[in-house]
Protein backbone atom coordinates (compact mmCIF):
# COMPACT_ATOMS: atom_id res chain seq x y z
CA UNK A 1 -4.51 17.80 -64.71
CA UNK A 2 -5.29 17.81 -68.55
CA UNK A 3 -7.53 15.31 -67.57
CA UNK A 4 -10.06 17.89 -65.80
CA UNK A 5 -10.02 20.59 -68.67
CA UNK A 6 -11.55 17.60 -70.73
CA UNK A 7 -14.23 17.12 -67.88
CA UNK A 8 -15.07 20.60 -68.10
CA UNK A 9 -15.62 19.92 -71.77
CA UNK A 10 -18.20 16.90 -71.01
CA UNK A 11 -21.08 18.98 -71.34
CA UNK A 12 -20.79 20.44 -74.84
CA UNK A 13 -21.21 18.44 -77.46
CA UNK A 14 -23.20 14.92 -77.41
CA UNK A 15 -23.79 12.68 -79.44
CA UNK A 16 -25.65 9.17 -80.03
CA UNK A 17 -23.62 5.80 -79.06
CA UNK A 18 -25.12 3.77 -81.32
CA UNK A 19 -23.76 5.97 -83.95
CA UNK A 20 -19.83 5.39 -83.77
CA UNK A 21 -17.79 2.64 -84.59
CA UNK A 22 -14.86 0.79 -82.69
CA UNK A 23 -11.75 2.95 -81.31
CA UNK A 24 -9.23 3.99 -83.98
CA UNK A 25 -6.94 3.90 -81.12
CA UNK A 26 -4.77 0.90 -79.72
CA UNK A 27 -1.93 -1.45 -80.89
CA UNK A 28 -2.24 -5.11 -81.16
CA UNK A 29 0.44 -7.38 -79.77
CA UNK A 30 2.45 -7.97 -82.93
CA UNK A 31 1.85 -4.94 -84.40
CA UNK A 32 4.50 -2.59 -85.92
CA UNK A 33 4.01 0.56 -83.44
CA UNK A 34 4.88 3.14 -86.31
CA UNK A 35 1.98 1.43 -88.36
CA UNK A 36 -0.06 2.04 -84.87
CA UNK A 37 1.01 6.21 -85.53
CA UNK A 38 -0.34 6.32 -88.43
CA UNK A 39 -3.63 5.07 -87.62
CA UNK A 40 -3.98 7.27 -84.67
CA UNK A 41 -3.05 10.48 -86.69
CA UNK A 42 -5.31 9.29 -89.57
CA UNK A 43 -7.97 8.78 -87.46
CA UNK A 44 -8.60 12.77 -86.69
CA UNK A 45 -9.59 12.88 -90.19
CA UNK A 46 -13.49 13.31 -90.62
CA UNK A 47 -16.59 15.49 -90.17
CA UNK A 48 -17.19 16.85 -86.45
CA UNK A 49 -18.93 19.05 -83.95
CA UNK A 50 -16.12 20.92 -81.77
CA UNK A 51 -16.34 21.92 -78.89
CA UNK A 52 -13.63 24.77 -77.23
CA UNK A 53 -12.88 25.02 -73.98
CA UNK A 54 -10.11 27.25 -72.47
CA UNK A 55 -10.10 28.46 -68.89
CA UNK A 56 -7.72 29.67 -66.87
CA UNK A 57 -6.41 28.09 -63.54
CA UNK A 58 -4.25 30.05 -61.55
CA UNK A 59 -3.20 33.83 -61.29
CA UNK A 60 0.55 33.88 -60.97
CA UNK A 61 0.88 37.56 -61.05
CA UNK A 62 0.46 39.27 -57.70
CA UNK A 63 -3.23 41.40 -58.53
CA UNK A 64 -3.53 39.65 -62.09
CA UNK A 65 -7.67 38.86 -62.28
CA UNK A 66 -7.87 35.23 -63.93
CA UNK A 67 -10.18 35.63 -67.41
CA UNK A 68 -14.21 34.30 -67.84
CA UNK A 69 -13.85 30.52 -69.15
CA UNK A 70 -14.41 30.60 -72.80
CA UNK A 71 -17.08 28.82 -74.68
CA UNK A 72 -17.29 27.92 -78.46
CA UNK A 73 -17.94 25.57 -80.68
CA UNK A 74 -18.34 24.98 -84.50
CA UNK A 75 -18.29 22.36 -87.62
CA UNK A 76 -15.63 21.51 -88.66
CA UNK A 77 -13.82 18.91 -91.28
CA UNK A 78 -10.80 17.62 -91.52
CA UNK A 79 -9.40 15.98 -95.14
CA UNK A 80 -6.29 14.56 -95.39
CA UNK A 81 -4.52 17.07 -97.90
CA UNK A 82 -0.97 14.74 -97.85
CA UNK A 83 0.22 11.25 -97.26
CA UNK A 84 3.49 10.36 -97.92
CA UNK A 85 3.80 7.53 -95.43
CA UNK A 86 6.39 9.03 -92.84
CA UNK A 87 4.44 12.40 -93.58
CA UNK A 88 0.99 13.58 -93.31
CA UNK A 89 -1.14 16.98 -93.70
CA UNK A 90 -4.68 17.08 -91.96
CA UNK A 91 -6.50 20.18 -93.53
CA UNK A 92 -8.82 21.80 -90.83
CA UNK A 93 -12.00 23.61 -92.40
CA UNK A 94 -14.76 25.36 -90.69
CA UNK A 95 -18.50 25.06 -92.18
CA UNK A 96 -21.24 27.42 -90.39
CA UNK A 97 -25.01 26.45 -90.80
CA UNK A 98 -25.42 28.98 -92.83
CA UNK A 99 -23.07 27.51 -95.31
CA UNK A 100 -19.52 30.19 -94.68
CA UNK A 101 -16.74 28.59 -95.13
CA UNK A 102 -13.06 29.68 -93.08
CA UNK A 103 -10.39 27.53 -94.05
CA UNK A 104 -9.04 26.70 -90.52
CA UNK A 105 -6.09 25.48 -89.30
CA UNK A 106 -3.67 22.63 -90.33
CA UNK A 107 -1.61 19.87 -88.96
CA UNK A 108 1.49 18.41 -90.30
CA UNK A 109 3.08 15.09 -88.56
CA UNK A 110 6.63 13.95 -89.40
CA UNK A 111 8.30 10.80 -88.49
CA UNK A 112 11.55 10.97 -87.03
CA UNK A 113 12.90 14.24 -88.67
CA UNK A 114 16.37 16.02 -88.44
CA UNK A 115 15.00 19.21 -88.35
CA UNK A 116 11.84 21.01 -86.99
CA UNK A 117 11.16 24.77 -86.44
CA UNK A 118 10.23 26.45 -83.10
CA UNK A 119 9.11 29.75 -82.37
CA UNK A 120 10.95 32.69 -80.42
CA UNK A 121 8.88 35.34 -80.18
CA UNK A 122 8.47 38.75 -82.06
CA UNK A 123 7.06 36.56 -85.03
CA UNK A 124 10.76 35.00 -85.67
CA UNK A 125 11.16 30.69 -85.83
CA UNK A 126 14.09 29.44 -85.74
CA UNK A 127 15.66 26.24 -87.15
CA UNK A 128 16.44 23.37 -84.87
CA UNK A 129 18.64 20.39 -85.09
CA UNK A 130 16.39 17.39 -83.74
CA UNK A 131 18.66 14.29 -81.96
CA UNK A 132 18.92 11.36 -82.59
CA UNK A 133 17.78 10.26 -79.53
CA UNK A 134 14.96 12.26 -79.52
CA UNK A 135 13.94 11.53 -82.65
CA UNK A 136 13.65 8.19 -82.60
CA UNK A 137 10.04 6.83 -82.70
CA UNK A 138 9.16 9.94 -82.25
CA UNK A 139 6.36 12.40 -84.79
CA UNK A 140 6.79 16.27 -84.83
CA UNK A 141 3.25 18.00 -84.72
CA UNK A 142 3.60 21.27 -86.69
CA UNK A 143 0.88 23.66 -86.58
CA UNK A 144 -0.03 26.05 -89.44
CA UNK A 145 -2.32 29.18 -88.99
CA UNK A 146 -5.02 29.95 -91.03
CA UNK A 147 -3.14 31.67 -94.45
CA UNK A 148 -0.20 28.58 -94.00
CA UNK A 149 1.36 30.87 -91.80
CA UNK A 150 3.89 28.47 -89.37
CA UNK A 151 2.36 29.15 -85.40
CA UNK A 152 4.21 26.19 -83.56
CA UNK A 153 5.48 22.81 -83.45
CA UNK A 154 6.40 20.17 -80.95
CA UNK A 155 8.19 16.84 -80.89
CA UNK A 156 6.82 13.43 -79.03
CA UNK A 157 6.06 9.76 -78.79
CA UNK A 158 2.65 8.12 -79.85
CA UNK A 159 1.80 5.81 -76.05
CA UNK A 160 -0.84 2.62 -77.12
CA UNK A 161 -2.46 1.12 -74.11
CA UNK A 162 -4.76 -0.97 -74.63
CA UNK A 163 -7.76 1.01 -76.52
CA UNK A 164 -5.26 3.99 -75.95
CA UNK A 165 -3.73 5.95 -78.10
CA UNK A 166 -2.29 9.84 -76.82
CA UNK A 167 0.72 11.37 -78.32
CA UNK A 168 2.38 14.49 -76.18
CA UNK A 169 4.29 17.23 -76.68
CA UNK A 170 7.89 18.74 -75.08
CA UNK A 171 6.79 22.47 -74.05
CA UNK A 172 7.03 24.52 -77.07
CA UNK A 173 6.29 28.56 -77.60
CA UNK A 174 3.82 29.73 -79.91
CA UNK A 175 2.53 33.43 -80.60
CA UNK A 176 -0.60 34.87 -78.78
CA UNK A 177 -4.01 32.61 -80.24
CA UNK A 178 -6.28 34.34 -82.37
CA UNK A 179 -8.99 34.09 -79.95
CA UNK A 180 -6.59 37.12 -77.75
CA UNK A 181 -4.30 38.20 -79.97
CA UNK A 182 -6.29 41.02 -80.86
CA UNK A 183 -7.46 42.00 -77.13
CA UNK A 184 -4.53 41.35 -75.22
CA UNK A 185 -1.57 43.11 -74.21
CA UNK A 186 -0.35 41.84 -70.59
CA UNK A 187 1.73 38.59 -72.95
CA UNK A 188 2.93 38.11 -76.17
CA UNK A 189 4.11 33.95 -76.24
CA UNK A 190 2.02 30.97 -75.00
CA UNK A 191 4.57 28.46 -73.53
CA UNK A 192 2.32 25.32 -74.15
CA UNK A 193 2.34 21.19 -74.24
CA UNK A 194 0.15 19.76 -76.35
CA UNK A 195 -1.98 16.75 -76.49
CA UNK A 196 -4.01 14.14 -78.95
CA UNK A 197 -6.08 11.69 -77.83
CA UNK A 198 -8.01 9.05 -79.67
CA UNK A 199 -11.14 8.81 -78.59
CA UNK A 200 -14.03 5.69 -79.92
CA UNK A 201 -16.41 8.67 -81.22
CA UNK A 202 -13.68 11.35 -82.49
CA UNK A 203 -10.23 12.84 -80.94
CA UNK A 204 -9.80 15.48 -78.11
CA UNK A 205 -7.22 17.86 -78.89
CA UNK A 206 -5.74 19.76 -74.95
CA UNK A 207 -3.83 21.76 -73.90
CA UNK A 208 -1.43 23.08 -70.80
CA UNK A 209 -0.17 26.49 -71.56
CA UNK A 210 1.48 29.74 -69.48
CA UNK A 211 0.70 32.94 -70.61
CA UNK A 212 4.55 34.83 -71.16
CA UNK A 213 5.03 38.25 -70.70
CA UNK A 214 8.92 38.04 -72.12
CA UNK A 215 9.16 41.85 -70.79
CA UNK A 216 8.36 41.75 -67.41
CA UNK A 217 11.13 41.07 -64.84
CA UNK A 218 11.81 37.40 -64.30
CA UNK A 219 10.10 36.50 -61.32
CA UNK A 220 6.92 38.00 -62.87
CA UNK A 221 7.54 37.36 -66.07
CA UNK A 222 4.35 34.67 -66.76
CA UNK A 223 0.83 36.29 -65.71
CA UNK A 224 -1.61 32.35 -65.58
CA UNK A 225 -1.86 29.00 -66.80
CA UNK A 226 -4.36 28.60 -68.89
CA UNK A 227 -6.11 24.88 -69.65
CA UNK A 228 -7.67 23.83 -72.85
CA UNK A 229 -10.15 21.03 -74.02
CA UNK A 230 -10.87 20.91 -77.87
CA UNK A 231 -13.20 18.48 -78.22
CA UNK A 232 -14.05 17.03 -81.62
CA UNK A 233 -16.75 14.36 -82.36
CA UNK A 234 -18.35 12.88 -85.07
CA UNK A 235 -20.99 14.00 -87.10
CA UNK A 236 -23.58 12.70 -89.91
CA UNK A 237 -25.88 14.30 -92.02
CA UNK A 238 -24.28 18.16 -90.82
CA UNK A 239 -24.03 19.47 -94.69
CA UNK A 240 -20.27 20.02 -95.50
CA UNK A 241 -20.51 20.56 -99.29
CA UNK A 242 -19.74 24.34 -98.75
CA UNK A 243 -16.44 23.45 -97.65
CA UNK A 244 -15.70 20.78 -100.37
CA UNK A 245 -16.18 23.12 -102.76
CA UNK A 246 -13.57 25.63 -101.26
CA UNK A 247 -11.15 23.27 -100.96
CA UNK A 248 -11.84 22.06 -104.24
CA UNK A 249 -11.92 25.34 -106.20
CA UNK A 250 -8.65 26.57 -103.81
CA UNK A 251 -6.67 23.68 -103.14
CA UNK A 252 -4.32 24.23 -105.98
CA UNK A 253 -3.34 27.81 -104.74
CA UNK A 254 -2.56 26.18 -101.38
CA UNK A 255 -0.85 23.45 -102.53
CA UNK A 256 1.85 25.70 -103.99
CA UNK A 257 1.50 28.20 -100.94
CA UNK A 258 3.22 24.52 -98.76
CA UNK A 259 5.63 24.62 -101.49
CA UNK A 260 6.33 27.64 -101.19
CA UNK A 261 6.98 27.84 -97.45
CA UNK A 262 9.03 24.34 -97.62
CA UNK A 263 11.66 26.06 -100.05
CA UNK A 264 12.15 29.16 -97.74
CA UNK A 265 12.98 26.59 -94.37
CA UNK A 266 15.31 24.74 -96.92
CA UNK A 267 17.51 27.70 -97.20
CA UNK A 268 17.03 29.37 -93.86
CA UNK A 269 17.65 29.61 -90.18
CA UNK A 270 15.43 32.20 -89.51
CA UNK A 271 12.33 33.69 -90.85
CA UNK A 272 10.46 36.41 -89.47
CA UNK A 273 6.78 37.72 -90.52
CA UNK A 274 5.93 40.88 -90.56
CA UNK A 275 2.26 41.26 -89.07
CA UNK A 276 1.38 44.26 -91.72
CA UNK A 277 3.35 45.58 -95.35
CA UNK A 278 1.66 49.14 -96.20
CA UNK A 279 -1.89 48.47 -93.69
CA UNK A 280 -2.56 44.90 -95.25
CA UNK A 281 -2.00 41.50 -93.75
CA UNK A 282 -0.53 38.23 -95.36
CA UNK A 283 -3.89 36.24 -94.46
CA UNK A 284 -6.05 38.70 -96.27
CA UNK A 285 -3.63 38.39 -99.64
CA UNK A 286 -3.65 34.92 -99.48
CA UNK A 287 -6.89 34.31 -99.10
CA UNK A 288 -8.17 36.66 -102.00
CA UNK A 289 -4.96 35.34 -103.51
CA UNK A 290 -6.70 31.28 -103.32
CA UNK A 291 -10.21 32.77 -104.98
CA UNK A 292 -9.12 34.29 -108.46
CA UNK A 293 -10.00 32.28 -111.07
CA UNK A 294 -7.66 32.78 -113.55
CA UNK A 295 -4.98 31.33 -114.67
CA UNK A 296 -5.26 28.83 -112.49
CA UNK A 297 -1.71 27.20 -113.64
CA UNK A 298 0.67 26.24 -111.31
CA UNK A 299 3.73 27.63 -112.63
CA UNK A 300 0.74 31.35 -112.19
CA UNK A 301 -0.15 29.99 -108.51
CA UNK A 302 3.19 29.36 -107.29
CA UNK A 303 4.11 32.94 -108.77
CA UNK A 304 1.55 34.90 -106.60
CA UNK A 305 2.21 33.04 -103.65
CA UNK A 306 6.15 33.79 -103.91
CA UNK A 307 5.35 37.20 -104.19
CA UNK A 308 2.92 37.26 -101.33
CA UNK A 309 5.70 35.64 -99.40
CA UNK A 310 8.58 37.94 -100.60
CA UNK A 311 6.23 40.61 -99.39
CA UNK A 312 6.20 40.00 -95.93
CA UNK A 313 8.95 37.48 -94.71
CA UNK A 314 12.21 38.68 -93.48
CA UNK A 315 14.61 35.22 -93.95
CA UNK A 316 18.19 34.66 -92.28
CA UNK A 317 20.39 32.47 -94.39
CA UNK A 318 21.36 29.25 -92.59
CA UNK A 319 25.62 30.71 -92.31
CA UNK A 320 24.74 33.25 -90.11
C-alpha cells in the first residue's frame, strides 16, 4: 500500500534521465551485507529536489472528514556529518531559491545497538533495551528535529534484492509533525512505519501513519490513516552555497548539542522536553545560540548547549 503513496508523488518531481549515474542500491553476490547497508545509507547524502506528499486515505472514526491532500516541495542538501562505520549521521538542510536556509531534520543510523529511545507521548522519550535477536543485522534509525531534539526511532534490516535496497522500521510512536502541530488538536500521537528505498535518481521516504487520540475511548482512539511519500531526486546546478555556509558557520555548535544530548541519554531512563519556558521555545534558543559569533571555542559552545537543555529537559534517572 505504501507503493500507492509513491505513485501519487510521481508527477511532483521531474528530471532528465540522462543526468544520473547507476543506482547505489543492491548487493553483489558474495558481498558483505553490512557493506551494502552502509552504501545504501550513504547514498542518501547529496543535493536534491524534494517532493512531499501526505494523503489521509481512511476515516476511522464516525463523522471524521478526511483532510485535503498536502503537497509541497523544497531543495535540500543532505550531508554526512558523522561516520564511524557502525554509526552514520546525515544532516538535512533546506535552501530556498531566495537563499534562505533552514536547518532541517537529522537522521542517525546505528548498527546492532543494545539500547534505543522510544517516544511514549506527552513530549517524553523512554530508554528501551534491544534484544539480541531483534538487533541482529539490524539498524536503528533515529530522527531528530530541527533543533536536534529527538523525534522518533525505529529498528529494521536493510533488504537487498537485485538492484533494490529497502529498509522498513517497526511500528513507532512520534509527536505530531510540524505540518500539523499548530493546526490540529484532535490527535496527539502519530503511530507510523517508515520505509527508505534507494532509487536510481535519489531515494524515497515512505510512511504509513495512524493518527492516535490517546485520550479517546479504546474503540475510538484512531481517527485516520495517512500515507506519506517524500521523494528525493538528485539535482545539478542548484545553488546550495548558503546552506553550506550556514553549516560551516554553525556546525561546531551543533556538534556540542549532539554531545550534550548523548550525555543526557547515557544517564537517563526517561526524558521529557518542555514545550515552552518563560514564553520561549527551545528551538528558538538553540538557533540563536548557533548564530552567536564569539566566543566559538568548544568549551563555551558546550556550555551554551548545556544551559539550554538544562532549562527545557526533565530527566528521570536510570534507576527509577
